[in-house]
Amino acid sequence: MPHHVRLIAAAAALLGTLCACAPTYGPPPPGRGPSLPPAGDATFRASDFAWSRAPGRNALVGSLNFHAGAVRYTCAGTTVVLTPETPWSRRRMMVLYKSDQRSALPTSDVRSRTAQAPAGDSDPYVRRAACDSTDHVSFTGLPDGAWYAVTLAKPVGGQGGGSFAMMRRVVTRGGRATSFEF
């Protein structure tokens, strides 16, 4: 057998051995991985939200510390909405907030895009909590997964400036409290 043929055969055998050792990592965490449809998929599926109804031991503790120039903003007295991350909700955040991670945009801009956002009713899966007088909010009993926290920020004490729609992606896991800031 010619020398170069033996080298090719040896290399192929080595490559086959290395490929056989490729690790497997198990299923992806909720909200991530190959089981999700493409990011552009705007189809609402109640089944995508099922994971969010499971009881959990996680908590989220959030706060608002937002300024636009010299104007300080507050969420005191507003509702913070916590929406489970699914392909539909991720696409909705991209349309409304121009991000699926974090955003602070004038409320009027977000509302102007509502008609372009994918249709669907996530209300049965959404959790709500009040933002307190110190601009803090908390959620408890959450399962592992990714969520979108959304609230309205208004100028403190009637200072100039309009309201802002605040959005932040947060992840719960491991039965612990996770802090986040808008």
N, C-alpha and C. Protein backbone atom coordinates (compact mmCIF):
# COMPACT_ATOMS: atom_id res chain seq x y z
N MET A 1 0.86 -1.17 0.00
CA MET A 1 0.00 0.00 0.00
C MET A 1 0.90 1.23 0.00
N PRO A 2 0.65 2.20 -0.90
CA PRO A 2 1.48 3.42 -0.95
C PRO A 2 1.41 4.17 0.38
N HIS A 3 2.47 4.92 0.67
CA HIS A 3 2.64 5.64 1.94
C HIS A 3 1.51 6.64 2.18
N HIS A 4 1.12 7.42 1.15
CA HIS A 4 0.09 8.46 1.37
C HIS A 4 -1.29 7.84 1.62
N VAL A 5 -1.55 6.66 1.09
CA VAL A 5 -2.82 5.98 1.33
C VAL A 5 -2.88 5.51 2.79
N ARG A 6 -1.75 5.00 3.31
CA ARG A 6 -1.70 4.57 4.72
C ARG A 6 -1.91 5.77 5.65
N LEU A 7 -1.33 6.92 5.32
CA LEU A 7 -1.50 8.13 6.15
C LEU A 7 -2.97 8.58 6.17
N ILE A 8 -3.61 8.57 5.02
CA ILE A 8 -5.02 8.96 4.94
C ILE A 8 -5.88 7.99 5.74
N ALA A 9 -5.61 6.70 5.63
CA ALA A 9 -6.37 5.69 6.37
C ALA A 9 -6.17 5.87 7.88
N ALA A 10 -4.95 6.16 8.31
CA ALA A 10 -4.66 6.36 9.73
C ALA A 10 -5.37 7.62 10.24
N ALA A 11 -5.35 8.69 9.45
CA ALA A 11 -6.02 9.94 9.85
C ALA A 11 -7.53 9.72 9.96
N ALA A 12 -8.12 8.98 9.02
CA ALA A 12 -9.56 8.71 9.06
C ALA A 12 -9.91 7.89 10.30
N ALA A 13 -9.07 6.92 10.65
CA ALA A 13 -9.32 6.10 11.83
C ALA A 13 -9.25 6.94 13.10
N LEU A 14 -8.25 7.84 13.17
CA LEU A 14 -8.10 8.72 14.33
C LEU A 14 -9.30 9.67 14.45
N LEU A 15 -9.73 10.26 13.35
CA LEU A 15 -10.88 11.16 13.36
C LEU A 15 -12.14 10.44 13.81
N GLY A 16 -12.34 9.22 13.36
CA GLY A 16 -13.50 8.43 13.78
C GLY A 16 -13.47 8.15 15.28
N THR A 17 -12.30 7.89 15.83
CA THR A 17 -12.16 7.65 17.26
C THR A 17 -12.49 8.92 18.05
N LEU A 18 -11.97 10.06 17.60
CA LEU A 18 -12.23 11.33 18.29
C LEU A 18 -13.71 11.70 18.25
N CYS A 19 -14.36 11.48 17.14
CA CYS A 19 -15.78 11.80 17.03
C CYS A 19 -16.62 10.94 17.96
N ALA A 20 -16.20 9.71 18.17
CA ALA A 20 -16.95 8.81 19.04
C ALA A 20 -16.91 9.27 20.49
N CYS A 21 -15.92 10.14 20.83
CA CYS A 21 -15.77 10.62 22.20
C CYS A 21 -16.48 11.94 22.44
N ALA A 22 -17.20 12.45 21.48
CA ALA A 22 -17.87 13.75 21.64
C ALA A 22 -18.83 13.69 22.82
N PRO A 23 -18.73 14.68 23.74
CA PRO A 23 -19.60 14.65 24.92
C PRO A 23 -21.04 15.01 24.58
N THR A 24 -21.94 14.56 25.43
CA THR A 24 -23.34 14.98 25.34
C THR A 24 -23.64 15.76 26.60
N TYR A 25 -24.39 16.82 26.48
CA TYR A 25 -24.63 17.72 27.59
C TYR A 25 -26.05 17.68 28.12
N GLY A 26 -26.88 16.81 27.64
CA GLY A 26 -28.25 16.73 28.12
C GLY A 26 -29.12 17.81 27.50
N PRO A 27 -30.36 17.92 27.95
CA PRO A 27 -31.29 18.88 27.35
C PRO A 27 -30.91 20.31 27.71
N PRO A 28 -31.23 21.26 26.85
CA PRO A 28 -30.94 22.66 27.15
C PRO A 28 -31.88 23.16 28.25
N PRO A 29 -31.49 24.25 28.95
CA PRO A 29 -32.39 24.81 29.96
C PRO A 29 -33.63 25.39 29.29
N PRO A 30 -34.72 25.58 30.05
CA PRO A 30 -35.93 26.15 29.47
C PRO A 30 -35.64 27.47 28.79
N GLY A 31 -36.26 27.67 27.64
CA GLY A 31 -36.12 28.94 26.94
C GLY A 31 -34.91 29.05 26.05
N ARG A 32 -34.10 28.01 25.96
CA ARG A 32 -32.91 28.05 25.11
C ARG A 32 -32.70 26.69 24.47
N GLY A 33 -32.07 26.69 23.32
CA GLY A 33 -31.65 25.43 22.73
C GLY A 33 -32.38 25.10 21.45
N PRO A 34 -32.00 23.97 20.86
CA PRO A 34 -32.52 23.61 19.55
C PRO A 34 -34.01 23.30 19.52
N SER A 35 -34.64 23.09 20.67
CA SER A 35 -36.06 22.77 20.66
C SER A 35 -36.92 23.99 20.31
N LEU A 36 -36.33 25.18 20.36
CA LEU A 36 -37.09 26.39 20.06
C LEU A 36 -37.19 26.61 18.56
N PRO A 37 -38.34 27.05 18.09
CA PRO A 37 -38.46 27.42 16.69
C PRO A 37 -37.57 28.61 16.38
N PRO A 38 -37.37 28.95 15.12
CA PRO A 38 -36.52 30.08 14.76
C PRO A 38 -36.98 31.36 15.45
N ALA A 39 -36.03 32.27 15.70
CA ALA A 39 -36.31 33.51 16.42
C ALA A 39 -37.43 34.32 15.77
N GLY A 40 -37.61 34.22 14.48
CA GLY A 40 -38.63 34.98 13.79
C GLY A 40 -40.02 34.39 13.90
N ASP A 41 -40.15 33.19 14.50
CA ASP A 41 -41.45 32.53 14.62
C ASP A 41 -42.33 33.33 15.57
N ALA A 42 -43.47 33.78 15.08
CA ALA A 42 -44.37 34.62 15.88
C ALA A 42 -45.64 33.88 16.27
N THR A 43 -45.65 32.56 16.15
CA THR A 43 -46.84 31.78 16.46
C THR A 43 -47.01 31.65 17.97
N PHE A 44 -48.19 32.00 18.46
CA PHE A 44 -48.48 31.82 19.88
C PHE A 44 -48.89 30.38 20.12
N ARG A 45 -48.20 29.71 21.05
CA ARG A 45 -48.53 28.34 21.44
C ARG A 45 -48.61 28.28 22.96
N ALA A 46 -49.78 27.99 23.47
CA ALA A 46 -49.93 27.89 24.92
C ALA A 46 -48.97 26.84 25.49
N SER A 47 -48.71 25.78 24.73
CA SER A 47 -47.82 24.72 25.21
C SER A 47 -46.41 25.22 25.48
N ASP A 48 -45.96 26.28 24.78
CA ASP A 48 -44.63 26.84 25.02
C ASP A 48 -44.53 27.47 26.40
N PHE A 49 -45.66 27.85 26.97
CA PHE A 49 -45.69 28.52 28.27
C PHE A 49 -45.85 27.54 29.44
N ALA A 50 -46.12 26.27 29.15
CA ALA A 50 -46.47 25.30 30.19
C ALA A 50 -45.43 25.24 31.32
N TRP A 51 -44.16 25.32 30.99
CA TRP A 51 -43.10 25.23 32.00
C TRP A 51 -43.25 26.29 33.09
N SER A 52 -43.81 27.45 32.73
CA SER A 52 -43.87 28.58 33.66
C SER A 52 -44.91 28.40 34.76
N ARG A 53 -45.80 27.44 34.60
CA ARG A 53 -46.84 27.20 35.60
C ARG A 53 -46.40 26.26 36.71
N ALA A 54 -45.27 25.60 36.50
CA ALA A 54 -44.77 24.68 37.53
C ALA A 54 -44.36 25.46 38.78
N PRO A 55 -44.61 24.89 39.94
CA PRO A 55 -44.14 25.57 41.15
C PRO A 55 -42.62 25.54 41.19
N GLY A 56 -42.05 26.53 41.80
CA GLY A 56 -40.60 26.60 41.88
C GLY A 56 -40.14 27.22 43.19
N ARG A 57 -38.84 27.20 43.40
CA ARG A 57 -38.26 27.75 44.63
C ARG A 57 -37.44 29.00 44.36
N ASN A 58 -37.53 29.52 43.14
CA ASN A 58 -36.74 30.70 42.79
C ASN A 58 -37.50 31.98 43.11
N ALA A 59 -36.74 33.05 43.25
CA ALA A 59 -37.31 34.38 43.46
C ALA A 59 -36.57 35.38 42.59
N LEU A 60 -37.25 36.44 42.23
CA LEU A 60 -36.65 37.57 41.54
C LEU A 60 -36.86 38.80 42.40
N VAL A 61 -35.81 39.57 42.58
CA VAL A 61 -35.87 40.81 43.34
C VAL A 61 -35.33 41.91 42.43
N GLY A 62 -36.22 42.81 42.02
CA GLY A 62 -35.84 43.84 41.07
C GLY A 62 -35.92 45.24 41.65
N SER A 63 -35.20 46.14 40.98
CA SER A 63 -35.25 47.55 41.37
C SER A 63 -35.12 48.41 40.13
N LEU A 64 -35.62 49.62 40.25
CA LEU A 64 -35.50 50.60 39.17
C LEU A 64 -34.56 51.70 39.64
N ASN A 65 -33.53 51.94 38.86
CA ASN A 65 -32.59 53.03 39.11
C ASN A 65 -32.32 53.65 37.75
N PHE A 66 -33.24 54.49 37.30
CA PHE A 66 -33.19 55.01 35.93
C PHE A 66 -33.23 56.54 35.94
N HIS A 67 -32.36 57.13 35.13
CA HIS A 67 -32.31 58.58 34.93
C HIS A 67 -32.25 58.85 33.44
N ALA A 68 -32.88 59.91 33.02
CA ALA A 68 -32.75 60.41 31.64
C ALA A 68 -32.25 61.84 31.80
N GLY A 69 -30.95 62.03 31.62
CA GLY A 69 -30.34 63.32 31.91
C GLY A 69 -30.42 63.55 33.41
N ALA A 70 -30.91 64.72 33.80
CA ALA A 70 -31.04 65.05 35.22
C ALA A 70 -32.34 64.53 35.84
N VAL A 71 -33.22 63.98 35.03
CA VAL A 71 -34.53 63.54 35.52
C VAL A 71 -34.42 62.10 36.05
N ARG A 72 -34.84 61.92 37.31
CA ARG A 72 -34.87 60.60 37.92
C ARG A 72 -36.27 60.03 37.76
N TYR A 73 -36.35 58.72 37.53
CA TYR A 73 -37.63 58.04 37.28
C TYR A 73 -37.95 57.06 38.39
N THR A 74 -39.24 56.77 38.55
CA THR A 74 -39.73 55.84 39.56
C THR A 74 -40.76 54.88 38.94
N CYS A 75 -40.86 53.70 39.55
CA CYS A 75 -41.92 52.76 39.16
C CYS A 75 -42.91 52.60 40.30
N ALA A 76 -42.74 53.38 41.38
CA ALA A 76 -43.60 53.27 42.57
C ALA A 76 -45.07 53.32 42.17
N GLY A 77 -45.83 52.34 42.65
CA GLY A 77 -47.26 52.29 42.38
C GLY A 77 -47.65 51.68 41.05
N THR A 78 -46.68 51.33 40.22
CA THR A 78 -47.00 50.69 38.94
C THR A 78 -46.92 49.18 39.08
N THR A 79 -47.42 48.49 38.10
CA THR A 79 -47.36 47.03 38.08
C THR A 79 -46.15 46.58 37.27
N VAL A 80 -45.45 45.60 37.78
CA VAL A 80 -44.37 44.96 37.03
C VAL A 80 -44.94 43.64 36.52
N VAL A 81 -44.83 43.43 35.23
CA VAL A 81 -45.35 42.23 34.57
C VAL A 81 -44.18 41.30 34.29
N LEU A 82 -44.34 40.03 34.63
CA LEU A 82 -43.32 39.02 34.39
C LEU A 82 -43.88 38.00 33.41
N THR A 83 -43.33 37.98 32.19
CA THR A 83 -43.81 37.11 31.12
C THR A 83 -42.78 36.01 30.86
N PRO A 84 -43.20 34.75 30.81
CA PRO A 84 -42.26 33.67 30.50
C PRO A 84 -41.66 33.85 29.10
N GLU A 85 -40.39 33.52 28.96
CA GLU A 85 -39.78 33.59 27.63
C GLU A 85 -40.18 32.37 26.82
N THR A 86 -40.70 32.63 25.63
CA THR A 86 -41.04 31.62 24.63
C THR A 86 -40.64 32.22 23.29
N PRO A 87 -40.66 31.46 22.22
CA PRO A 87 -40.38 32.07 20.92
C PRO A 87 -41.32 33.25 20.62
N TRP A 88 -42.59 33.10 20.98
CA TRP A 88 -43.57 34.17 20.74
C TRP A 88 -43.23 35.41 21.56
N SER A 89 -42.97 35.25 22.87
CA SER A 89 -42.70 36.43 23.70
C SER A 89 -41.36 37.07 23.33
N ARG A 90 -40.38 36.26 22.93
CA ARG A 90 -39.10 36.82 22.49
C ARG A 90 -39.30 37.69 21.26
N ARG A 91 -40.08 37.20 20.30
CA ARG A 91 -40.36 37.96 19.08
C ARG A 91 -41.13 39.24 19.42
N ARG A 92 -42.07 39.14 20.33
CA ARG A 92 -42.85 40.31 20.76
C ARG A 92 -41.94 41.37 21.38
N MET A 93 -41.01 40.97 22.22
CA MET A 93 -40.07 41.93 22.82
C MET A 93 -39.21 42.59 21.75
N MET A 94 -38.79 41.81 20.76
CA MET A 94 -37.98 42.39 19.68
C MET A 94 -38.76 43.46 18.92
N VAL A 95 -40.03 43.22 18.67
CA VAL A 95 -40.85 44.20 17.95
C VAL A 95 -41.12 45.42 18.82
N LEU A 96 -41.57 45.20 20.03
CA LEU A 96 -41.96 46.33 20.89
C LEU A 96 -40.77 47.11 21.43
N TYR A 97 -39.74 46.40 21.92
CA TYR A 97 -38.63 47.02 22.63
C TYR A 97 -37.32 47.08 21.84
N LYS A 98 -37.34 46.52 20.62
CA LYS A 98 -36.15 46.50 19.76
C LYS A 98 -34.98 45.74 20.40
N SER A 99 -35.30 44.84 21.33
CA SER A 99 -34.30 44.02 22.01
C SER A 99 -35.01 42.85 22.67
N ASP A 100 -34.28 41.76 22.87
CA ASP A 100 -34.83 40.66 23.67
C ASP A 100 -34.02 40.48 24.95
N GLN A 101 -33.26 41.53 25.32
CA GLN A 101 -32.44 41.46 26.52
C GLN A 101 -32.78 42.57 27.53
N ARG A 102 -32.74 43.82 27.07
CA ARG A 102 -32.94 44.96 27.99
C ARG A 102 -33.26 46.20 27.18
N SER A 103 -34.19 47.01 27.69
CA SER A 103 -34.58 48.20 26.95
C SER A 103 -35.22 49.24 27.87
N ALA A 104 -35.02 50.49 27.52
CA ALA A 104 -35.71 51.63 28.16
C ALA A 104 -36.05 52.59 27.03
N LEU A 105 -37.32 52.60 26.64
CA LEU A 105 -37.76 53.41 25.52
C LEU A 105 -38.96 54.26 25.91
N PRO A 106 -39.12 55.41 25.27
CA PRO A 106 -40.32 56.20 25.55
C PRO A 106 -41.57 55.32 25.35
N THR A 107 -42.48 55.41 26.30
CA THR A 107 -43.69 54.60 26.25
C THR A 107 -44.44 54.77 24.94
N SER A 108 -44.48 55.98 24.43
CA SER A 108 -45.20 56.24 23.18
C SER A 108 -44.58 55.46 22.01
N ASP A 109 -43.25 55.30 22.00
CA ASP A 109 -42.59 54.52 20.94
C ASP A 109 -43.01 53.05 20.99
N VAL A 110 -43.02 52.49 22.20
CA VAL A 110 -43.39 51.08 22.37
C VAL A 110 -44.85 50.88 21.95
N ARG A 111 -45.72 51.75 22.42
CA ARG A 111 -47.15 51.63 22.08
C ARG A 111 -47.38 51.77 20.57
N SER A 112 -46.58 52.57 19.91
CA SER A 112 -46.77 52.77 18.46
C SER A 112 -46.48 51.50 17.66
N ARG A 113 -45.76 50.55 18.25
CA ARG A 113 -45.42 49.30 17.56
C ARG A 113 -46.35 48.14 17.94
N THR A 114 -47.32 48.37 18.78
CA THR A 114 -48.19 47.30 19.26
C THR A 114 -48.88 46.55 18.12
N ALA A 115 -49.32 47.25 17.10
CA ALA A 115 -50.02 46.60 15.99
C ALA A 115 -49.11 45.65 15.20
N GLN A 116 -47.80 45.89 15.23
CA GLN A 116 -46.86 45.02 14.50
C GLN A 116 -46.43 43.80 15.32
N ALA A 117 -46.70 43.82 16.63
CA ALA A 117 -46.29 42.71 17.49
C ALA A 117 -47.17 41.49 17.22
N PRO A 118 -46.61 40.28 17.37
CA PRO A 118 -47.41 39.07 17.13
C PRO A 118 -48.60 38.99 18.09
N ALA A 119 -49.70 38.53 17.56
CA ALA A 119 -50.93 38.39 18.35
C ALA A 119 -50.88 37.14 19.21
N GLY A 120 -51.57 37.19 20.32
CA GLY A 120 -51.66 36.04 21.22
C GLY A 120 -52.02 36.53 22.62
N ASP A 121 -52.48 35.63 23.45
CA ASP A 121 -52.90 35.99 24.81
C ASP A 121 -52.05 35.26 25.83
N SER A 122 -51.01 35.92 26.32
CA SER A 122 -50.14 35.32 27.32
C SER A 122 -50.63 35.59 28.74
N ASP A 123 -51.73 36.31 28.89
CA ASP A 123 -52.22 36.72 30.20
C ASP A 123 -52.34 35.58 31.22
N PRO A 124 -52.79 34.38 30.83
CA PRO A 124 -52.89 33.30 31.83
C PRO A 124 -51.53 32.87 32.41
N TYR A 125 -50.43 33.23 31.75
CA TYR A 125 -49.10 32.78 32.17
C TYR A 125 -48.28 33.90 32.78
N VAL A 126 -48.78 35.12 32.73
CA VAL A 126 -48.08 36.29 33.21
C VAL A 126 -48.26 36.40 34.72
N ARG A 127 -47.20 36.84 35.39
CA ARG A 127 -47.28 37.13 36.83
C ARG A 127 -47.14 38.64 37.00
N ARG A 128 -47.80 39.16 38.05
CA ARG A 128 -47.77 40.59 38.30
C ARG A 128 -47.43 40.87 39.75
N ALA A 129 -46.72 41.96 39.97
CA ALA A 129 -46.42 42.42 41.33
C ALA A 129 -46.31 43.94 41.30
N ALA A 130 -46.60 44.56 42.42
CA ALA A 130 -46.53 46.02 42.52
C ALA A 130 -45.10 46.47 42.80
N CYS A 131 -44.73 47.55 42.16
CA CYS A 131 -43.46 48.21 42.45
C CYS A 131 -43.72 49.08 43.69
N ASP A 132 -42.92 48.90 44.73
CA ASP A 132 -43.18 49.61 45.98
C ASP A 132 -42.65 51.05 45.96
N SER A 133 -42.83 51.75 47.07
CA SER A 133 -42.45 53.17 47.15
C SER A 133 -40.94 53.39 47.09
N THR A 134 -40.15 52.32 47.23
CA THR A 134 -38.69 52.43 47.12
C THR A 134 -38.19 51.89 45.78
N ASP A 135 -39.10 51.73 44.83
CA ASP A 135 -38.76 51.26 43.48
C ASP A 135 -38.23 49.83 43.45
N HIS A 136 -38.77 48.98 44.32
CA HIS A 136 -38.42 47.57 44.36
C HIS A 136 -39.64 46.70 44.08
N VAL A 137 -39.39 45.50 43.55
CA VAL A 137 -40.44 44.53 43.26
C VAL A 137 -39.87 43.14 43.50
N SER A 138 -40.73 42.19 43.87
CA SER A 138 -40.25 40.82 44.03
C SER A 138 -41.31 39.82 43.57
N PHE A 139 -40.81 38.71 43.10
CA PHE A 139 -41.64 37.57 42.68
C PHE A 139 -41.06 36.34 43.37
N THR A 140 -41.92 35.46 43.85
CA THR A 140 -41.47 34.22 44.49
C THR A 140 -42.19 33.03 43.87
N GLY A 141 -41.70 31.84 44.21
CA GLY A 141 -42.33 30.60 43.74
C GLY A 141 -42.15 30.35 42.25
N LEU A 142 -41.06 30.84 41.68
CA LEU A 142 -40.83 30.72 40.23
C LEU A 142 -40.05 29.46 39.89
N PRO A 143 -40.42 28.78 38.79
CA PRO A 143 -39.61 27.65 38.32
C PRO A 143 -38.36 28.16 37.60
N ASP A 144 -37.43 27.26 37.32
CA ASP A 144 -36.25 27.60 36.52
C ASP A 144 -36.71 28.04 35.14
N GLY A 145 -36.10 29.09 34.60
CA GLY A 145 -36.42 29.53 33.25
C GLY A 145 -36.08 30.99 33.02
N ALA A 146 -36.35 31.45 31.83
CA ALA A 146 -36.10 32.85 31.45
C ALA A 146 -37.43 33.59 31.38
N TRP A 147 -37.40 34.85 31.79
CA TRP A 147 -38.58 35.69 31.90
C TRP A 147 -38.28 37.08 31.37
N TYR A 148 -39.36 37.81 31.04
CA TYR A 148 -39.25 39.23 30.69
C TYR A 148 -39.98 40.03 31.75
N ALA A 149 -39.26 40.90 32.45
CA ALA A 149 -39.86 41.82 33.41
C ALA A 149 -40.09 43.15 32.69
N VAL A 150 -41.31 43.67 32.81
CA VAL A 150 -41.69 44.90 32.11
C VAL A 150 -42.41 45.81 33.08
N THR A 151 -42.08 47.10 33.05
CA THR A 151 -42.79 48.08 33.87
C THR A 151 -42.74 49.45 33.23
N LEU A 152 -43.44 50.37 33.85
CA LEU A 152 -43.52 51.76 33.40
C LEU A 152 -42.75 52.62 34.39
N ALA A 153 -41.89 53.50 33.89
CA ALA A 153 -41.14 54.43 34.74
C ALA A 153 -41.62 55.85 34.45
N LYS A 154 -41.96 56.56 35.53
CA LYS A 154 -42.46 57.93 35.41
C LYS A 154 -41.49 58.90 36.10
N PRO A 155 -41.42 60.14 35.63
CA PRO A 155 -40.54 61.12 36.28
C PRO A 155 -40.93 61.32 37.75
N VAL A 156 -39.94 61.39 38.63
CA VAL A 156 -40.18 61.60 40.06
C VAL A 156 -40.71 63.02 40.28
N GLY A 157 -41.76 63.12 41.09
CA GLY A 157 -42.27 64.42 41.49
C GLY A 157 -42.71 65.34 40.37
N GLY A 158 -43.16 64.78 39.27
CA GLY A 158 -43.66 65.59 38.17
C GLY A 158 -42.59 66.35 37.41
N GLN A 159 -41.32 65.95 37.56
CA GLN A 159 -40.25 66.58 36.79
C GLN A 159 -40.57 66.45 35.31
N GLY A 160 -39.93 67.24 34.48
CA GLY A 160 -40.15 67.16 33.04
C GLY A 160 -39.78 65.80 32.48
N GLY A 161 -40.34 65.48 31.35
CA GLY A 161 -40.02 64.21 30.70
C GLY A 161 -41.21 63.29 30.71
N GLY A 162 -41.33 62.50 29.67
CA GLY A 162 -42.42 61.54 29.56
C GLY A 162 -42.05 60.23 30.21
N SER A 163 -42.98 59.29 30.18
CA SER A 163 -42.74 57.98 30.79
C SER A 163 -41.91 57.09 29.87
N PHE A 164 -41.26 56.11 30.48
CA PHE A 164 -40.46 55.13 29.76
C PHE A 164 -40.99 53.73 30.02
N ALA A 165 -41.01 52.91 28.99
CA ALA A 165 -41.33 51.49 29.11
C ALA A 165 -40.00 50.77 29.33
N MET A 166 -39.93 50.04 30.43
CA MET A 166 -38.69 49.36 30.83
C MET A 166 -38.87 47.85 30.64
N MET A 167 -37.88 47.19 30.05
CA MET A 167 -37.93 45.74 29.86
C MET A 167 -36.57 45.17 30.19
N ARG A 168 -36.58 44.01 30.85
CA ARG A 168 -35.33 43.33 31.20
C ARG A 168 -35.55 41.83 31.18
N ARG A 169 -34.69 41.09 30.49
CA ARG A 169 -34.73 39.62 30.51
C ARG A 169 -34.00 39.16 31.76
N VAL A 170 -34.62 38.24 32.49
CA VAL A 170 -34.03 37.70 33.72
C VAL A 170 -34.15 36.18 33.69
N VAL A 171 -33.25 35.51 34.40
CA VAL A 171 -33.24 34.05 34.42
C VAL A 171 -33.28 33.57 35.87
N THR A 172 -34.13 32.58 36.12
CA THR A 172 -34.22 31.96 37.44
C THR A 172 -33.71 30.53 37.34
N ARG A 173 -32.96 30.12 38.37
CA ARG A 173 -32.50 28.72 38.41
C ARG A 173 -31.87 28.42 39.76
N GLY A 174 -31.89 27.16 40.09
CA GLY A 174 -31.18 26.69 41.26
C GLY A 174 -31.84 26.95 42.59
N GLY A 175 -33.10 27.33 42.61
CA GLY A 175 -33.80 27.56 43.88
C GLY A 175 -33.27 28.73 44.68
N ARG A 176 -32.84 29.78 43.98
CA ARG A 176 -32.28 30.93 44.70
C ARG A 176 -32.95 32.23 44.27
N ALA A 177 -32.66 33.28 45.00
CA ALA A 177 -33.15 34.62 44.66
C ALA A 177 -32.15 35.27 43.71
N THR A 178 -32.65 35.85 42.64
CA THR A 178 -31.83 36.55 41.65
C THR A 178 -32.22 38.01 41.65
N SER A 179 -31.23 38.88 41.77
CA SER A 179 -31.47 40.32 41.74
C SER A 179 -31.31 40.83 40.32
N PHE A 180 -32.09 41.85 39.98
CA PHE A 180 -31.95 42.50 38.68
C PHE A 180 -32.30 43.97 38.82
N GLU A 181 -31.87 44.74 37.84
CA GLU A 181 -32.17 46.17 37.81
C GLU A 181 -32.66 46.55 36.43
N PHE A 182 -33.70 47.36 36.42
CA PHE A 182 -34.20 47.90 35.15
C PHE A 182 -33.25 48.98 34.69
